[in-house]
Amino acid sequence: MATEKIKLPQELMDKVRRYAEMSGYSSAEEFIAHCLEKEIGRLDESDSEDEIKKKLKGLGYIG
């Protein structure tokens, strides 16, 4: 599987590492991938682009 790097604020990365360890993930990267897959799966269930935008807005990802 090809991978890419992303930049996260240090404070967020510290939280990611802490929660990954508490949850039993083998790495912060594995935890992040699982979280993203879960969230994207929820968005994939949406019927339309407008519904996806509503969900993203509700989550605070877009204004």
C-alpha atoms as a PDB file:
ATOM      1  CA  MET A   1       0.000   0.000   0.000  1.00  0.00           C
ATOM      2  CA  ALA A   2       1.382   3.407  -0.971  1.00  0.00           C
ATOM      3  CA  THR A   3       1.525   5.994   1.795  1.00  0.00           C
ATOM      4  CA  GLU A   4       1.744   9.755   2.039  1.00  0.00           C
ATOM      5  CA  LYS A   5       2.844  12.085   4.795  1.00  0.00           C
ATOM      6  CA  ILE A   6       0.597  14.666   6.382  1.00  0.00           C
ATOM      7  CA  LYS A   7       1.391  17.433   8.837  1.00  0.00           C
ATOM      8  CA  LEU A   8      -0.555  17.732  12.084  1.00  0.00           C
ATOM      9  CA  PRO A   9      -0.194  20.270  14.875  1.00  0.00           C
ATOM     10  CA  GLN A  10       2.072  18.919  17.623  1.00  0.00           C
ATOM     11  CA  GLU A  11      -0.673  19.166  20.256  1.00  0.00           C
ATOM     12  CA  LEU A  12      -3.000  17.027  18.131  1.00  0.00           C
ATOM     13  CA  MET A  13      -0.257  14.497  17.407  1.00  0.00           C
ATOM     14  CA  ASP A  14       0.439  14.181  21.136  1.00  0.00           C
ATOM     15  CA  LYS A  15      -3.239  13.356  21.699  1.00  0.00           C
ATOM     16  CA  VAL A  16      -3.225  10.896  18.813  1.00  0.00           C
ATOM     17  CA  ARG A  17      -0.227   9.066  20.274  1.00  0.00           C
ATOM     18  CA  ARG A  18      -1.821   8.958  23.730  1.00  0.00           C
ATOM     19  CA  TYR A  19      -5.171   7.631  22.480  1.00  0.00           C
ATOM     20  CA  ALA A  20      -3.538   5.176  20.098  1.00  0.00           C
ATOM     21  CA  GLU A  21      -1.552   3.694  22.952  1.00  0.00           C
ATOM     22  CA  MET A  22      -4.569   3.590  25.301  1.00  0.00           C
ATOM     23  CA  SER A  23      -6.640   1.880  22.602  1.00  0.00           C
ATOM     24  CA  GLY A  24      -4.034  -0.759  21.834  1.00  0.00           C
ATOM     25  CA  TYR A  25      -3.058   0.357  18.327  1.00  0.00           C
ATOM     26  CA  SER A  26       0.433  -0.573  17.219  1.00  0.00           C
ATOM     27  CA  SER A  27       1.159   2.982  16.079  1.00  0.00           C
ATOM     28  CA  ALA A  28      -0.267   6.472  15.831  1.00  0.00           C
ATOM     29  CA  GLU A  29      -0.432   5.995  12.071  1.00  0.00           C
ATOM     30  CA  GLU A  30      -2.618   2.905  12.444  1.00  0.00           C
ATOM     31  CA  PHE A  31      -4.939   4.829  14.790  1.00  0.00           C
ATOM     32  CA  ILE A  32      -5.187   7.778  12.376  1.00  0.00           C
ATOM     33  CA  ALA A  33      -5.887   5.492   9.415  1.00  0.00           C
ATOM     34  CA  HIS A  34      -8.644   3.712  11.353  1.00  0.00           C
ATOM     35  CA  CYS A  35     -10.249   7.009  12.401  1.00  0.00           C
ATOM     36  CA  LEU A  36     -10.167   8.335   8.847  1.00  0.00           C
ATOM     37  CA  GLU A  37     -11.561   5.107   7.401  1.00  0.00           C
ATOM     38  CA  LYS A  38     -14.393   5.175   9.938  1.00  0.00           C
ATOM     39  CA  GLU A  39     -15.277   8.813   9.230  1.00  0.00           C
ATOM     40  CA  ILE A  40     -15.029   8.400   5.455  1.00  0.00           C
ATOM     41  CA  GLY A  41     -17.261   5.335   5.725  1.00  0.00           C
ATOM     42  CA  ARG A  42     -19.916   7.469   7.417  1.00  0.00           C
ATOM     43  CA  LEU A  43     -19.656  10.025   4.625  1.00  0.00           C
ATOM     44  CA  ASP A  44     -19.847   7.307   1.962  1.00  0.00           C
ATOM     45  CA  GLU A  45     -23.257   6.354   3.343  1.00  0.00           C
ATOM     46  CA  SER A  46     -24.613   9.787   2.396  1.00  0.00           C
ATOM     47  CA  ASP A  47     -26.947  10.024  -0.553  1.00  0.00           C
ATOM     48  CA  SER A  48     -25.809  13.299  -2.067  1.00  0.00           C
ATOM     49  CA  GLU A  49     -23.023  15.852  -2.142  1.00  0.00           C
ATOM     50  CA  ASP A  50     -25.292  18.301  -0.271  1.00  0.00           C
ATOM     51  CA  GLU A  51     -25.813  15.751   2.507  1.00  0.00           C
ATOM     52  CA  ILE A  52     -22.049  15.189   2.752  1.00  0.00           C
ATOM     53  CA  LYS A  53     -21.466  18.949   2.975  1.00  0.00           C
ATOM     54  CA  LYS A  54     -24.097  19.202   5.745  1.00  0.00           C
ATOM     55  CA  LYS A  55     -22.338  16.462   7.722  1.00  0.00           C
ATOM     56  CA  LEU A  56     -18.923  18.077   7.261  1.00  0.00           C
ATOM     57  CA  LYS A  57     -20.332  21.441   8.314  1.00  0.00           C
ATOM     58  CA  GLY A  58     -21.958  19.850  11.365  1.00  0.00           C
ATOM     59  CA  LEU A  59     -18.619  18.334  12.311  1.00  0.00           C
ATOM     60  CA  GLY A  60     -16.934  21.714  11.961  1.00  0.00           C
ATOM     61  CA  TYR A  61     -14.742  20.741   9.005  1.00  0.00           C
ATOM     62  CA  ILE A  62     -16.193  23.358   6.681  1.00  0.00           C
ATOM     63  CA  GLY A  63     -17.824  26.730   7.281  1.00  0.00           C
END
